[in-house]
Structure formats: structure tokens, C-alpha cells
Amino acid sequence: MKNRTIGIILSVIGVALAVWGYDVYDSASSHVTRALSGDTPIEAWLGMIGGGICIVLGILKIK
């Protein structure tokens, strides 16, 4: 029961992180930065990759 709860919490946190990372990636300042220098903000990568990892770990804990 405890692993299932941790898995659900990890999945919810992972979805929130992934959405936040995408919001940072899709922001107006990020568009300007990508147009001028070609770089994506590190916060966007951390949010999307960290969210994906949390989602996968959460799904594995739920099983």
C-alpha cells in the first residue's frame, strides 16, 4: 500500500514538472532566446526530463 501511494505522488509530481518545463520552453522569453542564440533554457530541460523520470518511477512503484 505504501509503495502505491509513493508511486501516485511521484506520478503527479512528474506531470506537474513536465507541464512546468513545457511552459518555460514555450514562454515568450524562451522564444526570443532561442531565436537569438539557439539555446533552450536549462529550466525547461530540467522540468521536462525530471518530470519524465518521476512519471516512469511512479508508474514502476504503482505496479
C-alpha atoms as a PDB file:
ATOM      1  CA  MET A   1       0.000   0.000   0.000  1.00  0.00           C
ATOM      2  CA  LYS A   2       2.814   2.417   0.865  1.00  0.00           C
ATOM      3  CA  ASN A   3       4.629   1.869  -2.468  1.00  0.00           C
ATOM      4  CA  ARG A   4       1.401   2.521  -4.345  1.00  0.00           C
ATOM      5  CA  THR A   5       0.919   5.858  -2.557  1.00  0.00           C
ATOM      6  CA  ILE A   6       4.502   6.896  -3.276  1.00  0.00           C
ATOM      7  CA  GLY A   7       4.012   5.918  -6.919  1.00  0.00           C
ATOM      8  CA  ILE A   8       0.893   8.048  -7.250  1.00  0.00           C
ATOM      9  CA  ILE A   9       2.635  11.023  -5.636  1.00  0.00           C
ATOM     10  CA  LEU A  10       5.652  10.628  -7.928  1.00  0.00           C
ATOM     11  CA  SER A  11       3.391  10.465 -10.981  1.00  0.00           C
ATOM     12  CA  VAL A  12       1.518  13.623 -10.005  1.00  0.00           C
ATOM     13  CA  ILE A  13       4.777  15.485  -9.307  1.00  0.00           C
ATOM     14  CA  GLY A  14       6.183  14.234 -12.607  1.00  0.00           C
ATOM     15  CA  VAL A  15       3.213  15.515 -14.580  1.00  0.00           C
ATOM     16  CA  ALA A  16       3.436  18.894 -12.823  1.00  0.00           C
ATOM     17  CA  LEU A  17       7.181  19.136 -13.564  1.00  0.00           C
ATOM     18  CA  ALA A  18       6.710  18.191 -17.198  1.00  0.00           C
ATOM     19  CA  VAL A  19       3.961  20.796 -17.650  1.00  0.00           C
ATOM     20  CA  TRP A  20       6.089  23.445 -15.937  1.00  0.00           C
ATOM     21  CA  GLY A  21       9.071  22.583 -18.137  1.00  0.00           C
ATOM     22  CA  TYR A  22       6.960  22.865 -21.265  1.00  0.00           C
ATOM     23  CA  ASP A  23       5.566  26.214 -20.092  1.00  0.00           C
ATOM     24  CA  VAL A  24       9.113  27.505 -19.635  1.00  0.00           C
ATOM     25  CA  TYR A  25      10.071  26.130 -23.053  1.00  0.00           C
ATOM     26  CA  ASP A  26       7.071  27.782 -24.722  1.00  0.00           C
ATOM     27  CA  SER A  27       7.372  31.172 -22.996  1.00  0.00           C
ATOM     28  CA  ALA A  28       7.952  34.393 -24.923  1.00  0.00           C
ATOM     29  CA  SER A  29      11.397  34.980 -23.407  1.00  0.00           C
ATOM     30  CA  SER A  30      12.416  31.467 -24.368  1.00  0.00           C
ATOM     31  CA  HIS A  31      11.331  32.086 -27.954  1.00  0.00           C
ATOM     32  CA  VAL A  32      13.477  35.225 -28.083  1.00  0.00           C
ATOM     33  CA  THR A  33      16.469  33.432 -26.542  1.00  0.00           C
ATOM     34  CA  ARG A  34      16.163  30.536 -28.997  1.00  0.00           C
ATOM     35  CA  ALA A  35      15.860  32.967 -31.928  1.00  0.00           C
ATOM     36  CA  LEU A  36      18.949  34.941 -30.929  1.00  0.00           C
ATOM     37  CA  SER A  37      21.297  32.304 -29.565  1.00  0.00           C
ATOM     38  CA  GLY A  38      19.691  28.958 -30.333  1.00  0.00           C
ATOM     39  CA  ASP A  39      19.844  27.856 -26.689  1.00  0.00           C
ATOM     40  CA  THR A  40      16.959  26.373 -24.737  1.00  0.00           C
ATOM     41  CA  PRO A  41      16.711  27.399 -21.067  1.00  0.00           C
ATOM     42  CA  ILE A  42      18.079  24.762 -18.702  1.00  0.00           C
ATOM     43  CA  GLU A  43      14.946  25.077 -16.553  1.00  0.00           C
ATOM     44  CA  ALA A  44      12.869  23.769 -19.453  1.00  0.00           C
ATOM     45  CA  TRP A  45      15.100  20.729 -19.893  1.00  0.00           C
ATOM     46  CA  LEU A  46      15.223  20.032 -16.165  1.00  0.00           C
ATOM     47  CA  GLY A  47      11.453  20.241 -15.878  1.00  0.00           C
ATOM     48  CA  MET A  48      10.668  18.024 -18.833  1.00  0.00           C
ATOM     49  CA  ILE A  49      13.355  15.406 -18.200  1.00  0.00           C
ATOM     50  CA  GLY A  50      12.847  15.406 -14.423  1.00  0.00           C
ATOM     51  CA  GLY A  51       9.099  15.116 -14.922  1.00  0.00           C
ATOM     52  CA  GLY A  52       9.549  12.188 -17.276  1.00  0.00           C
ATOM     53  CA  ILE A  53      11.802  10.389 -14.815  1.00  0.00           C
ATOM     54  CA  CYS A  54       9.333  10.950 -11.971  1.00  0.00           C
ATOM     55  CA  ILE A  55       6.472   9.657 -14.101  1.00  0.00           C
ATOM     56  CA  VAL A  56       8.370   6.486 -15.016  1.00  0.00           C
ATOM     57  CA  LEU A  57       9.424   5.873 -11.404  1.00  0.00           C
ATOM     58  CA  GLY A  58       5.865   6.479 -10.231  1.00  0.00           C
ATOM     59  CA  ILE A  59       4.432   4.002 -12.725  1.00  0.00           C
ATOM     60  CA  LEU A  60       7.002   1.399 -11.686  1.00  0.00           C
ATOM     61  CA  LYS A  61       6.095   1.892  -7.999  1.00  0.00           C
ATOM     62  CA  ILE A  62       2.363   1.542  -8.710  1.00  0.00           C
ATOM     63  CA  LYS A  63       2.794  -1.889 -10.320  1.00  0.00           C
END
